[in-house]
Amino acid sequence: MWSTSCDALTIVFAKAPRAGEVKTRLIPLLGAEGAAALHGQLLHRTLVTATNAGLGPVELHCAPDDNHPFFFDCGRRYGVALVPQQGSDLGTRLCHAFDEALTRHSKVIIIGTDCPVLTTQHLRNTQTVLAEGNDAVLIPAEDGGYVLIGLARCDARLFDGIAWGSDAVLAATRERLKALGWRWRELDTLWDIDRPEDYRRWSELVIESESSPLA
């Protein structure tokens, strides 16, 4: 099994798969129920990736709380702890999660569920970079955000006043890291499934994978 001396916790941030409340930009293409089903599929995929990476414990941080039956099933199936997210916006929720987790672990990695091309190797590379003494690691997203953030320390200034959901998230985060004087690295840029074109891109990759001959 892959291992490292870095003490890391992986946290998956997720919303409950309620129709009409998740993947809303995909509702015109998939319908409310279809978009919610896709959200659930992506969450399962992310938990498989996180647990298979073998980095240590994995937690599922749930919104709006951890009482949804879908979350109970995930906790049982993957052996992950369920934790309710706390905070009025994404920035305060991320900051709270990092603050609390860094009292228990020397390194913490937080990922969302929108990036189906995130692999176990991306997580392992993140942990390696943190173990090398960096304060932060980012995996940029093509839409101007990021799909992963790993920290060895936390400061609320990294998250305050960010226009979450915009194409300015990554640039603003870089500026905060520079202002804090932290040492950080960025890994290869990935992409999320947020829009119909993203869904079609992913569908084409799945079809291509299924049609490829076995080695």
N, C-alpha and C. Protein backbone atom coordinates (compact mmCIF):
# COMPACT_ATOMS: atom_id res chain seq x y z
N MET A 1 0.84 -1.21 0.00
CA MET A 1 0.00 0.00 0.00
C MET A 1 0.87 1.25 0.00
N TRP A 2 0.47 2.24 -0.78
CA TRP A 2 1.19 3.51 -0.83
C TRP A 2 1.12 4.18 0.53
N SER A 3 2.25 4.74 0.98
CA SER A 3 2.24 5.39 2.29
C SER A 3 3.25 6.52 2.29
N THR A 4 3.11 7.41 3.26
CA THR A 4 4.03 8.52 3.44
C THR A 4 4.01 8.89 4.91
N SER A 5 5.02 9.62 5.35
CA SER A 5 5.09 10.01 6.75
C SER A 5 4.21 11.21 7.05
N CYS A 6 3.64 11.82 6.02
CA CYS A 6 2.80 13.00 6.20
C CYS A 6 1.46 12.61 6.83
N ASP A 7 1.11 13.29 7.93
CA ASP A 7 -0.14 13.02 8.63
C ASP A 7 -1.25 13.87 8.02
N ALA A 8 -2.09 13.27 7.17
CA ALA A 8 -3.09 14.04 6.43
C ALA A 8 -4.49 13.50 6.64
N LEU A 9 -5.44 14.41 6.61
CA LEU A 9 -6.86 14.08 6.60
C LEU A 9 -7.43 14.58 5.29
N THR A 10 -8.24 13.75 4.63
CA THR A 10 -8.94 14.17 3.41
C THR A 10 -10.39 14.43 3.74
N ILE A 11 -10.89 15.60 3.38
CA ILE A 11 -12.27 16.00 3.62
C ILE A 11 -12.97 16.19 2.28
N VAL A 12 -14.13 15.57 2.14
CA VAL A 12 -14.97 15.75 0.96
C VAL A 12 -16.13 16.66 1.34
N PHE A 13 -16.24 17.80 0.67
CA PHE A 13 -17.35 18.73 0.87
C PHE A 13 -18.47 18.37 -0.09
N ALA A 14 -19.70 18.21 0.43
CA ALA A 14 -20.80 17.82 -0.46
C ALA A 14 -22.13 18.34 0.04
N LYS A 15 -23.01 18.64 -0.90
CA LYS A 15 -24.40 18.96 -0.61
C LYS A 15 -25.25 17.70 -0.73
N ALA A 16 -26.37 17.67 -0.02
CA ALA A 16 -27.31 16.57 -0.17
C ALA A 16 -27.88 16.59 -1.59
N PRO A 17 -28.08 15.42 -2.19
CA PRO A 17 -28.55 15.36 -3.59
C PRO A 17 -30.05 15.58 -3.71
N ARG A 18 -30.48 16.79 -3.40
CA ARG A 18 -31.91 17.14 -3.45
C ARG A 18 -32.24 17.75 -4.80
N ALA A 19 -33.25 17.20 -5.45
CA ALA A 19 -33.65 17.67 -6.78
C ALA A 19 -33.98 19.16 -6.76
N GLY A 20 -33.44 19.88 -7.69
CA GLY A 20 -33.67 21.31 -7.79
C GLY A 20 -32.71 22.16 -7.00
N GLU A 21 -31.84 21.53 -6.17
CA GLU A 21 -30.92 22.27 -5.31
C GLU A 21 -29.46 22.02 -5.65
N VAL A 22 -29.18 21.04 -6.52
CA VAL A 22 -27.80 20.74 -6.90
C VAL A 22 -27.70 20.66 -8.42
N LYS A 23 -26.52 20.97 -8.92
CA LYS A 23 -26.27 20.93 -10.37
C LYS A 23 -27.37 21.67 -11.15
N THR A 24 -27.72 22.85 -10.66
CA THR A 24 -28.86 23.58 -11.23
C THR A 24 -28.62 24.00 -12.67
N ARG A 25 -27.37 24.23 -13.07
CA ARG A 25 -27.09 24.63 -14.45
C ARG A 25 -27.26 23.46 -15.42
N LEU A 26 -27.38 22.25 -14.87
CA LEU A 26 -27.60 21.09 -15.72
C LEU A 26 -29.07 20.67 -15.78
N ILE A 27 -29.92 21.35 -15.04
CA ILE A 27 -31.34 20.98 -15.03
C ILE A 27 -31.98 21.11 -16.42
N PRO A 28 -31.68 22.16 -17.20
CA PRO A 28 -32.28 22.21 -18.55
C PRO A 28 -31.92 21.01 -19.42
N LEU A 29 -30.76 20.41 -19.17
CA LEU A 29 -30.32 19.26 -19.96
C LEU A 29 -30.80 17.94 -19.37
N LEU A 30 -30.71 17.79 -18.04
CA LEU A 30 -30.96 16.50 -17.39
C LEU A 30 -32.26 16.44 -16.61
N GLY A 31 -32.89 17.60 -16.36
CA GLY A 31 -34.03 17.65 -15.46
C GLY A 31 -33.55 17.70 -14.03
N ALA A 32 -34.41 18.11 -13.11
CA ALA A 32 -34.02 18.26 -11.71
C ALA A 32 -33.60 16.93 -11.09
N GLU A 33 -34.38 15.87 -11.35
CA GLU A 33 -34.05 14.56 -10.79
C GLU A 33 -32.76 14.01 -11.41
N GLY A 34 -32.58 14.21 -12.71
CA GLY A 34 -31.38 13.73 -13.36
C GLY A 34 -30.13 14.44 -12.88
N ALA A 35 -30.25 15.75 -12.65
CA ALA A 35 -29.12 16.52 -12.15
C ALA A 35 -28.75 16.07 -10.74
N ALA A 36 -29.78 15.80 -9.92
CA ALA A 36 -29.52 15.32 -8.56
C ALA A 36 -28.88 13.93 -8.58
N ALA A 37 -29.34 13.09 -9.51
CA ALA A 37 -28.75 11.75 -9.63
C ALA A 37 -27.28 11.84 -10.04
N LEU A 38 -26.97 12.75 -10.96
CA LEU A 38 -25.58 12.93 -11.36
C LEU A 38 -24.74 13.40 -10.17
N HIS A 39 -25.28 14.32 -9.40
CA HIS A 39 -24.57 14.80 -8.21
C HIS A 39 -24.24 13.63 -7.28
N GLY A 40 -25.20 12.74 -7.08
CA GLY A 40 -24.97 11.58 -6.24
C GLY A 40 -23.91 10.66 -6.81
N GLN A 41 -23.92 10.46 -8.11
CA GLN A 41 -22.92 9.62 -8.76
C GLN A 41 -21.52 10.20 -8.59
N LEU A 42 -21.42 11.52 -8.75
CA LEU A 42 -20.12 12.18 -8.59
C LEU A 42 -19.62 12.09 -7.16
N LEU A 43 -20.55 12.17 -6.20
CA LEU A 43 -20.16 12.04 -4.80
C LEU A 43 -19.61 10.65 -4.52
N HIS A 44 -20.30 9.62 -5.02
CA HIS A 44 -19.79 8.25 -4.85
C HIS A 44 -18.40 8.12 -5.46
N ARG A 45 -18.24 8.65 -6.66
CA ARG A 45 -16.94 8.55 -7.34
C ARG A 45 -15.85 9.23 -6.52
N THR A 46 -16.15 10.39 -5.97
CA THR A 46 -15.17 11.14 -5.19
C THR A 46 -14.78 10.38 -3.93
N LEU A 47 -15.75 9.78 -3.27
CA LEU A 47 -15.45 9.03 -2.05
C LEU A 47 -14.61 7.79 -2.35
N VAL A 48 -14.88 7.15 -3.48
CA VAL A 48 -14.04 6.01 -3.88
C VAL A 48 -12.60 6.48 -4.09
N THR A 49 -12.44 7.59 -4.79
CA THR A 49 -11.10 8.13 -5.03
C THR A 49 -10.40 8.48 -3.73
N ALA A 50 -11.12 9.15 -2.82
CA ALA A 50 -10.51 9.59 -1.56
C ALA A 50 -10.11 8.41 -0.69
N THR A 51 -10.97 7.42 -0.59
CA THR A 51 -10.66 6.27 0.27
C THR A 51 -9.60 5.38 -0.36
N ASN A 52 -9.59 5.24 -1.68
CA ASN A 52 -8.61 4.40 -2.35
C ASN A 52 -7.21 5.01 -2.36
N ALA A 53 -7.11 6.32 -2.12
CA ALA A 53 -5.80 6.97 -2.15
C ALA A 53 -4.91 6.46 -1.02
N GLY A 54 -5.50 5.97 0.05
CA GLY A 54 -4.73 5.39 1.13
C GLY A 54 -3.91 6.38 1.92
N LEU A 55 -4.37 7.61 2.01
CA LEU A 55 -3.61 8.64 2.72
C LEU A 55 -3.88 8.67 4.21
N GLY A 56 -4.98 8.06 4.64
CA GLY A 56 -5.40 8.15 6.03
C GLY A 56 -6.90 8.33 6.10
N PRO A 57 -7.40 8.90 7.20
CA PRO A 57 -8.85 9.04 7.37
C PRO A 57 -9.48 9.97 6.36
N VAL A 58 -10.75 9.70 6.07
CA VAL A 58 -11.56 10.53 5.16
C VAL A 58 -12.82 10.93 5.89
N GLU A 59 -13.20 12.20 5.79
CA GLU A 59 -14.44 12.69 6.36
C GLU A 59 -15.33 13.26 5.25
N LEU A 60 -16.63 13.07 5.40
CA LEU A 60 -17.61 13.67 4.49
C LEU A 60 -18.29 14.81 5.22
N HIS A 61 -18.03 16.04 4.77
CA HIS A 61 -18.62 17.23 5.40
C HIS A 61 -19.87 17.61 4.61
N CYS A 62 -21.00 17.56 5.29
CA CYS A 62 -22.31 17.55 4.65
C CYS A 62 -23.04 18.89 4.80
N ALA A 63 -23.78 19.27 3.76
CA ALA A 63 -24.62 20.46 3.78
C ALA A 63 -26.01 20.10 3.24
N PRO A 64 -27.07 20.68 3.83
CA PRO A 64 -27.02 21.65 4.93
C PRO A 64 -26.73 21.03 6.30
N ASP A 65 -26.84 19.72 6.42
CA ASP A 65 -26.49 19.00 7.64
C ASP A 65 -26.18 17.56 7.26
N ASP A 66 -25.96 16.71 8.25
CA ASP A 66 -25.57 15.33 7.95
C ASP A 66 -26.71 14.34 8.16
N ASN A 67 -27.95 14.79 8.08
CA ASN A 67 -29.10 13.93 8.39
C ASN A 67 -29.75 13.29 7.17
N HIS A 68 -29.28 13.58 5.97
CA HIS A 68 -29.90 13.03 4.78
C HIS A 68 -29.58 11.53 4.66
N PRO A 69 -30.56 10.71 4.30
CA PRO A 69 -30.31 9.26 4.16
C PRO A 69 -29.17 8.93 3.21
N PHE A 70 -29.00 9.74 2.17
CA PHE A 70 -27.91 9.49 1.23
C PHE A 70 -26.56 9.56 1.94
N PHE A 71 -26.41 10.52 2.85
CA PHE A 71 -25.16 10.64 3.60
C PHE A 71 -24.97 9.44 4.52
N PHE A 72 -26.04 8.98 5.16
CA PHE A 72 -25.94 7.81 6.02
C PHE A 72 -25.41 6.61 5.24
N ASP A 73 -25.95 6.44 4.03
CA ASP A 73 -25.52 5.32 3.19
C ASP A 73 -24.04 5.47 2.82
N CYS A 74 -23.60 6.69 2.50
CA CYS A 74 -22.20 6.91 2.16
C CYS A 74 -21.29 6.60 3.35
N GLY A 75 -21.70 7.04 4.54
CA GLY A 75 -20.90 6.78 5.72
C GLY A 75 -20.73 5.29 5.96
N ARG A 76 -21.82 4.55 5.79
CA ARG A 76 -21.77 3.09 6.00
C ARG A 76 -20.95 2.42 4.90
N ARG A 77 -21.18 2.82 3.66
CA ARG A 77 -20.54 2.14 2.54
C ARG A 77 -19.03 2.35 2.50
N TYR A 78 -18.60 3.56 2.80
CA TYR A 78 -17.18 3.89 2.64
C TYR A 78 -16.43 4.01 3.97
N GLY A 79 -17.13 3.87 5.08
CA GLY A 79 -16.48 3.94 6.37
C GLY A 79 -15.92 5.31 6.69
N VAL A 80 -16.64 6.36 6.27
CA VAL A 80 -16.19 7.73 6.51
C VAL A 80 -17.06 8.39 7.58
N ALA A 81 -16.45 9.29 8.33
CA ALA A 81 -17.19 10.05 9.34
C ALA A 81 -18.01 11.13 8.66
N LEU A 82 -19.24 11.34 9.16
CA LEU A 82 -20.11 12.41 8.66
C LEU A 82 -20.01 13.61 9.59
N VAL A 83 -19.78 14.79 9.00
CA VAL A 83 -19.61 16.01 9.77
C VAL A 83 -20.46 17.10 9.12
N PRO A 84 -21.34 17.79 9.87
CA PRO A 84 -22.10 18.89 9.27
C PRO A 84 -21.20 20.09 9.00
N GLN A 85 -21.38 20.71 7.83
CA GLN A 85 -20.65 21.93 7.54
C GLN A 85 -21.17 23.06 8.42
N GLN A 86 -20.28 23.97 8.80
CA GLN A 86 -20.67 25.08 9.67
C GLN A 86 -20.18 26.40 9.08
N GLY A 87 -21.13 27.32 8.87
CA GLY A 87 -20.77 28.62 8.33
C GLY A 87 -21.83 29.12 7.37
N SER A 88 -21.86 30.43 7.17
CA SER A 88 -22.90 31.06 6.36
C SER A 88 -22.58 31.04 4.87
N ASP A 89 -21.31 30.88 4.51
CA ASP A 89 -20.95 30.80 3.11
C ASP A 89 -19.80 29.80 2.96
N LEU A 90 -19.41 29.52 1.72
CA LEU A 90 -18.39 28.51 1.50
C LEU A 90 -17.08 28.86 2.18
N GLY A 91 -16.71 30.13 2.15
CA GLY A 91 -15.46 30.54 2.76
C GLY A 91 -15.41 30.25 4.25
N THR A 92 -16.47 30.60 4.97
CA THR A 92 -16.47 30.35 6.42
C THR A 92 -16.55 28.86 6.71
N ARG A 93 -17.23 28.10 5.84
CA ARG A 93 -17.30 26.65 6.05
C ARG A 93 -15.94 25.99 5.83
N LEU A 94 -15.23 26.43 4.79
CA LEU A 94 -13.90 25.90 4.55
C LEU A 94 -12.95 26.26 5.69
N CYS A 95 -13.00 27.50 6.12
CA CYS A 95 -12.11 27.96 7.18
C CYS A 95 -12.38 27.18 8.47
N HIS A 96 -13.65 26.99 8.81
CA HIS A 96 -13.98 26.24 10.02
C HIS A 96 -13.47 24.81 9.92
N ALA A 97 -13.66 24.18 8.77
CA ALA A 97 -13.23 22.79 8.59
C ALA A 97 -11.71 22.67 8.74
N PHE A 98 -10.99 23.57 8.10
CA PHE A 98 -9.53 23.53 8.21
C PHE A 98 -9.07 23.80 9.65
N ASP A 99 -9.63 24.82 10.26
CA ASP A 99 -9.24 25.18 11.63
C ASP A 99 -9.39 23.99 12.57
N GLU A 100 -10.55 23.35 12.51
CA GLU A 100 -10.80 22.24 13.42
C GLU A 100 -9.94 21.03 13.08
N ALA A 101 -9.84 20.70 11.80
CA ALA A 101 -9.10 19.50 11.40
C ALA A 101 -7.61 19.63 11.67
N LEU A 102 -7.06 20.84 11.55
CA LEU A 102 -5.63 21.03 11.76
C LEU A 102 -5.24 20.96 13.23
N THR A 103 -6.22 20.88 14.13
CA THR A 103 -5.90 20.60 15.53
C THR A 103 -5.68 19.11 15.74
N ARG A 104 -6.09 18.29 14.76
CA ARG A 104 -5.98 16.83 14.87
C ARG A 104 -4.99 16.23 13.89
N HIS A 105 -4.71 16.94 12.80
CA HIS A 105 -3.83 16.43 11.76
C HIS A 105 -2.90 17.55 11.31
N SER A 106 -1.69 17.16 10.88
CA SER A 106 -0.72 18.18 10.48
C SER A 106 -0.98 18.71 9.07
N LYS A 107 -1.71 17.94 8.26
CA LYS A 107 -2.04 18.36 6.91
C LYS A 107 -3.49 18.00 6.63
N VAL A 108 -4.20 18.88 5.93
CA VAL A 108 -5.61 18.64 5.60
C VAL A 108 -5.85 18.98 4.13
N ILE A 109 -6.54 18.08 3.44
CA ILE A 109 -6.88 18.26 2.03
C ILE A 109 -8.40 18.30 1.91
N ILE A 110 -8.93 19.31 1.24
CA ILE A 110 -10.37 19.41 1.02
C ILE A 110 -10.64 19.39 -0.48
N ILE A 111 -11.60 18.54 -0.86
CA ILE A 111 -12.03 18.44 -2.26
C ILE A 111 -13.54 18.54 -2.32
N GLY A 112 -14.04 18.98 -3.48
CA GLY A 112 -15.47 18.94 -3.73
C GLY A 112 -15.81 17.65 -4.46
N THR A 113 -16.99 17.63 -5.08
CA THR A 113 -17.44 16.41 -5.75
C THR A 113 -17.65 16.62 -7.25
N ASP A 114 -17.27 17.77 -7.77
CA ASP A 114 -17.60 18.12 -9.16
C ASP A 114 -16.56 17.69 -10.18
N CYS A 115 -15.43 17.14 -9.74
CA CYS A 115 -14.32 16.86 -10.66
C CYS A 115 -14.13 15.36 -10.82
N PRO A 116 -14.72 14.76 -11.86
CA PRO A 116 -14.62 13.31 -12.04
C PRO A 116 -13.25 12.84 -12.51
N VAL A 117 -12.40 13.76 -12.95
CA VAL A 117 -11.07 13.37 -13.43
C VAL A 117 -10.00 13.48 -12.33
N LEU A 118 -10.41 13.83 -11.12
CA LEU A 118 -9.50 13.82 -9.97
C LEU A 118 -9.20 12.36 -9.62
N THR A 119 -7.93 12.02 -9.48
CA THR A 119 -7.53 10.64 -9.24
C THR A 119 -6.83 10.49 -7.88
N THR A 120 -6.61 9.23 -7.51
CA THR A 120 -5.85 8.96 -6.29
C THR A 120 -4.45 9.56 -6.39
N GLN A 121 -3.86 9.56 -7.58
CA GLN A 121 -2.52 10.10 -7.73
C GLN A 121 -2.48 11.59 -7.47
N HIS A 122 -3.54 12.31 -7.87
CA HIS A 122 -3.60 13.74 -7.56
C HIS A 122 -3.57 13.96 -6.04
N LEU A 123 -4.31 13.15 -5.31
CA LEU A 123 -4.33 13.28 -3.85
C LEU A 123 -2.98 12.92 -3.25
N ARG A 124 -2.37 11.88 -3.76
CA ARG A 124 -1.05 11.48 -3.25
C ARG A 124 0.00 12.53 -3.55
N ASN A 125 -0.08 13.12 -4.74
CA ASN A 125 0.86 14.20 -5.08
C ASN A 125 0.67 15.40 -4.17
N THR A 126 -0.58 15.71 -3.83
CA THR A 126 -0.87 16.82 -2.92
C THR A 126 -0.24 16.57 -1.57
N GLN A 127 -0.41 15.36 -1.05
CA GLN A 127 0.15 15.03 0.25
C GLN A 127 1.68 15.10 0.22
N THR A 128 2.28 14.65 -0.86
CA THR A 128 3.73 14.71 -0.99
C THR A 128 4.23 16.15 -0.97
N VAL A 129 3.55 17.02 -1.69
CA VAL A 129 3.95 18.43 -1.73
C VAL A 129 3.83 19.07 -0.35
N LEU A 130 2.78 18.75 0.38
CA LEU A 130 2.64 19.28 1.74
C LEU A 130 3.74 18.73 2.65
N ALA A 131 4.09 17.45 2.48
CA ALA A 131 5.13 16.84 3.30
C ALA A 131 6.50 17.46 3.04
N GLU A 132 6.66 18.09 1.88
CA GLU A 132 7.93 18.73 1.54
C GLU A 132 8.09 20.09 2.21
N GLY A 133 7.08 20.50 2.98
CA GLY A 133 7.19 21.74 3.74
C GLY A 133 6.39 22.91 3.20
N ASN A 134 5.59 22.68 2.17
CA ASN A 134 4.74 23.76 1.66
C ASN A 134 3.57 24.01 2.59
N ASP A 135 3.11 25.26 2.63
CA ASP A 135 1.96 25.62 3.46
C ASP A 135 0.64 25.30 2.78
N ALA A 136 0.63 25.30 1.44
CA ALA A 136 -0.62 25.11 0.71
C ALA A 136 -0.35 24.46 -0.64
N VAL A 137 -1.37 23.76 -1.13
CA VAL A 137 -1.36 23.17 -2.46
C VAL A 137 -2.72 23.45 -3.10
N LEU A 138 -2.72 23.81 -4.36
CA LEU A 138 -3.95 24.03 -5.11
C LEU A 138 -3.94 23.18 -6.37
N ILE A 139 -5.09 22.64 -6.73
CA ILE A 139 -5.29 22.11 -8.07
C ILE A 139 -6.29 23.04 -8.74
N PRO A 140 -5.82 23.85 -9.69
CA PRO A 140 -6.71 24.80 -10.35
C PRO A 140 -7.78 24.10 -11.18
N ALA A 141 -8.89 24.79 -11.36
CA ALA A 141 -9.95 24.33 -12.26
C ALA A 141 -9.96 25.22 -13.49
N GLU A 142 -10.35 24.67 -14.63
CA GLU A 142 -10.36 25.43 -15.87
C GLU A 142 -11.29 26.64 -15.82
N ASP A 143 -12.30 26.59 -14.93
CA ASP A 143 -13.27 27.68 -14.87
C ASP A 143 -12.83 28.84 -13.98
N GLY A 144 -11.59 28.79 -13.47
CA GLY A 144 -11.09 29.89 -12.65
C GLY A 144 -11.20 29.67 -11.16
N GLY A 145 -11.67 28.51 -10.76
CA GLY A 145 -11.71 28.16 -9.35
C GLY A 145 -10.62 27.14 -9.05
N TYR A 146 -10.85 26.32 -8.02
CA TYR A 146 -9.94 25.21 -7.77
C TYR A 146 -10.74 24.00 -7.34
N VAL A 147 -10.22 22.81 -7.65
CA VAL A 147 -10.93 21.57 -7.33
C VAL A 147 -10.39 20.94 -6.06
N LEU A 148 -9.25 21.43 -5.58
CA LEU A 148 -8.64 20.89 -4.37
C LEU A 148 -7.81 21.98 -3.72
N ILE A 149 -7.84 22.00 -2.39
CA ILE A 149 -6.94 22.84 -1.62
C ILE A 149 -6.43 22.04 -0.43
N GLY A 150 -5.13 22.01 -0.28
CA GLY A 150 -4.51 21.35 0.85
C GLY A 150 -3.73 22.35 1.66
N LEU A 151 -3.83 22.26 2.99
CA LEU A 151 -3.18 23.23 3.86
C LEU A 151 -2.45 22.54 5.00
N ALA A 152 -1.34 23.16 5.41
CA ALA A 152 -0.64 22.76 6.62
C ALA A 152 -0.87 23.79 7.73
N ARG A 153 -1.52 24.88 7.39
CA ARG A 153 -1.87 25.93 8.35
C ARG A 153 -3.10 26.64 7.81
N CYS A 154 -3.80 27.38 8.66
CA CYS A 154 -5.02 28.06 8.21
C CYS A 154 -5.03 29.51 8.67
N ASP A 155 -5.56 30.35 7.83
CA ASP A 155 -5.75 31.76 8.15
C ASP A 155 -7.04 32.20 7.47
N ALA A 156 -7.93 32.84 8.22
CA ALA A 156 -9.23 33.24 7.68
C ALA A 156 -9.10 34.16 6.48
N ARG A 157 -8.00 34.90 6.38
CA ARG A 157 -7.80 35.81 5.25
C ARG A 157 -7.72 35.09 3.92
N LEU A 158 -7.44 33.81 3.96
CA LEU A 158 -7.38 33.03 2.72
C LEU A 158 -8.76 32.83 2.11
N PHE A 159 -9.81 32.98 2.93
CA PHE A 159 -11.17 32.67 2.47
C PHE A 159 -12.13 33.86 2.54
N ASP A 160 -11.80 34.88 3.31
CA ASP A 160 -12.71 36.01 3.49
C ASP A 160 -12.88 36.80 2.20
N GLY A 161 -14.15 37.13 1.86
CA GLY A 161 -14.42 38.04 0.76
C GLY A 161 -14.17 37.49 -0.62
N ILE A 162 -14.05 36.18 -0.74
CA ILE A 162 -13.88 35.56 -2.06
C ILE A 162 -15.24 35.48 -2.76
N ALA A 163 -15.26 35.78 -4.04
CA ALA A 163 -16.51 35.69 -4.83
C ALA A 163 -16.70 34.24 -5.27
N TRP A 164 -17.15 33.41 -4.35
CA TRP A 164 -17.27 31.97 -4.63
C TRP A 164 -18.21 31.71 -5.80
N GLY A 165 -17.81 30.78 -6.65
CA GLY A 165 -18.61 30.46 -7.83
C GLY A 165 -18.26 31.29 -9.04
N SER A 166 -17.37 32.27 -8.88
CA SER A 166 -16.97 33.12 -10.01
C SER A 166 -15.66 32.60 -10.61
N ASP A 167 -15.26 33.22 -11.72
CA ASP A 167 -14.00 32.82 -12.36
C ASP A 167 -12.80 33.54 -11.75
N ALA A 168 -13.03 34.26 -10.62
CA ALA A 168 -11.96 35.00 -9.97
C ALA A 168 -11.44 34.32 -8.71
N VAL A 169 -11.97 33.15 -8.38
CA VAL A 169 -11.62 32.48 -7.12
C VAL A 169 -10.13 32.15 -7.06
N LEU A 170 -9.61 31.53 -8.09
CA LEU A 170 -8.22 31.11 -8.07
C LEU A 170 -7.27 32.31 -8.01
N ALA A 171 -7.54 33.32 -8.82
CA ALA A 171 -6.68 34.51 -8.83
C ALA A 171 -6.68 35.19 -7.48
N ALA A 172 -7.86 35.31 -6.86
CA ALA A 172 -7.96 35.94 -5.55
C ALA A 172 -7.22 35.12 -4.50
N THR A 173 -7.33 33.81 -4.60
CA THR A 173 -6.65 32.94 -3.63
C THR A 173 -5.13 33.06 -3.77
N ARG A 174 -4.65 33.14 -5.00
CA ARG A 174 -3.21 33.34 -5.20
C ARG A 174 -2.74 34.63 -4.55
N GLU A 175 -3.52 35.70 -4.72
CA GLU A 175 -3.15 36.98 -4.12
C GLU A 175 -3.12 36.89 -2.60
N ARG A 176 -4.07 36.17 -2.01
CA ARG A 176 -4.09 35.99 -0.55
C ARG A 176 -2.85 35.22 -0.10
N LEU A 177 -2.49 34.17 -0.83
CA LEU A 177 -1.32 33.37 -0.46
C LEU A 177 -0.05 34.22 -0.53
N LYS A 178 0.05 35.06 -1.55
CA LYS A 178 1.21 35.95 -1.67
C LYS A 178 1.26 36.92 -0.50
N ALA A 179 0.10 37.50 -0.16
CA ALA A 179 0.05 38.47 0.93
C ALA A 179 0.40 37.84 2.27
N LEU A 180 0.02 36.58 2.46
CA LEU A 180 0.33 35.87 3.70
C LEU A 180 1.80 35.46 3.76
N GLY A 181 2.47 35.48 2.61
CA GLY A 181 3.87 35.07 2.58
C GLY A 181 4.06 33.57 2.69
N TRP A 182 3.02 32.82 2.29
CA TRP A 182 3.10 31.36 2.40
C TRP A 182 3.82 30.76 1.20
N ARG A 183 4.35 29.59 1.46
CA ARG A 183 4.96 28.78 0.39
C ARG A 183 3.90 27.82 -0.13
N TRP A 184 3.64 27.88 -1.46
CA TRP A 184 2.62 26.99 -1.99
C TRP A 184 2.99 26.54 -3.40
N ARG A 185 2.31 25.48 -3.83
CA ARG A 185 2.49 24.96 -5.18
C ARG A 185 1.14 24.66 -5.79
N GLU A 186 1.11 24.72 -7.13
CA GLU A 186 -0.10 24.33 -7.87
C GLU A 186 0.21 23.11 -8.72
N LEU A 187 -0.71 22.16 -8.75
CA LEU A 187 -0.59 20.98 -9.58
C LEU A 187 -1.33 21.21 -10.90
N ASP A 188 -1.37 20.20 -11.74
CA ASP A 188 -1.99 20.36 -13.07
C ASP A 188 -3.46 20.76 -12.98
N THR A 189 -3.88 21.62 -13.89
CA THR A 189 -5.25 22.10 -13.94
C THR A 189 -6.20 20.98 -14.37
N LEU A 190 -7.37 20.89 -13.70
CA LEU A 190 -8.39 19.91 -14.03
C LEU A 190 -9.69 20.65 -14.38
N TRP A 191 -10.78 19.92 -14.53
CA TRP A 191 -12.05 20.57 -14.87
C TRP A 191 -13.20 19.91 -14.11
N ASP A 192 -14.23 20.71 -13.88
CA ASP A 192 -15.44 20.31 -13.15
C ASP A 192 -16.58 20.03 -14.12
N ILE A 193 -17.60 19.34 -13.63
CA ILE A 193 -18.86 19.21 -14.37
C ILE A 193 -19.86 20.20 -13.76
N ASP A 194 -20.04 21.32 -14.42
CA ASP A 194 -20.98 22.34 -13.97
C ASP A 194 -22.00 22.70 -15.04
N ARG A 195 -21.58 22.66 -16.30
CA ARG A 195 -22.40 23.15 -17.41
C ARG A 195 -22.69 22.00 -18.39
N PRO A 196 -23.67 22.17 -19.26
CA PRO A 196 -23.97 21.11 -20.23
C PRO A 196 -22.76 20.68 -21.05
N GLU A 197 -21.90 21.62 -21.44
CA GLU A 197 -20.72 21.24 -22.21
C GLU A 197 -19.76 20.39 -21.41
N ASP A 198 -19.70 20.62 -20.08
CA ASP A 198 -18.87 19.78 -19.22
C ASP A 198 -19.42 18.36 -19.15
N TYR A 199 -20.74 18.27 -19.05
CA TYR A 199 -21.38 16.96 -18.99
C TYR A 199 -21.13 16.18 -20.28
N ARG A 200 -21.24 16.86 -21.40
CA ARG A 200 -21.01 16.19 -22.69
C ARG A 200 -19.54 15.75 -22.79
N ARG A 201 -18.64 16.57 -22.31
CA ARG A 201 -17.21 16.22 -22.32
C ARG A 201 -16.96 14.95 -21.50
N TRP A 202 -17.58 14.89 -20.33
CA TRP A 202 -17.43 13.71 -19.49
C TRP A 202 -18.07 12.48 -20.14
N SER A 203 -19.24 12.66 -20.72
CA SER A 203 -19.92 11.55 -21.39
C SER A 203 -19.08 10.97 -22.51
N GLU A 204 -18.41 11.84 -23.26
CA GLU A 204 -17.55 11.38 -24.35
C GLU A 204 -16.36 10.59 -23.82
N LEU A 205 -15.81 11.02 -22.68
CA LEU A 205 -14.71 10.29 -22.09
C LEU A 205 -15.15 8.91 -21.61
N VAL A 206 -16.34 8.83 -21.04
CA VAL A 206 -16.86 7.55 -20.56
C VAL A 206 -17.08 6.60 -21.73
N ILE A 207 -17.69 7.12 -22.80
CA ILE A 207 -17.93 6.29 -23.99
C ILE A 207 -16.61 5.81 -24.59
N GLU A 208 -15.63 6.71 -24.66
CA GLU A 208 -14.32 6.34 -25.19
C GLU A 208 -13.66 5.27 -24.35
N SER A 209 -13.78 5.42 -23.01
CA SER A 209 -13.19 4.43 -22.11
C SER A 209 -13.85 3.07 -22.26
N GLU A 210 -15.17 3.07 -22.37
CA GLU A 210 -15.93 1.81 -22.48
C GLU A 210 -15.68 1.10 -23.79
N SER A 211 -15.33 1.89 -24.84
CA SER A 211 -15.12 1.29 -26.16
C SER A 211 -13.69 0.89 -26.42
N SER A 212 -12.77 1.27 -25.48
CA SER A 212 -11.36 0.93 -25.68
C SER A 212 -11.13 -0.55 -25.43
N PRO A 213 -10.32 -1.21 -26.26
CA PRO A 213 -10.05 -2.63 -26.06
C PRO A 213 -9.23 -2.86 -24.80
N LEU A 214 -9.42 -3.98 -24.17
CA LEU A 214 -8.67 -4.32 -22.97
C LEU A 214 -7.23 -4.58 -23.34
N ALA A 215 -6.33 -4.18 -22.46
CA ALA A 215 -4.88 -4.38 -22.71
C ALA A 215 -4.54 -5.86 -22.55
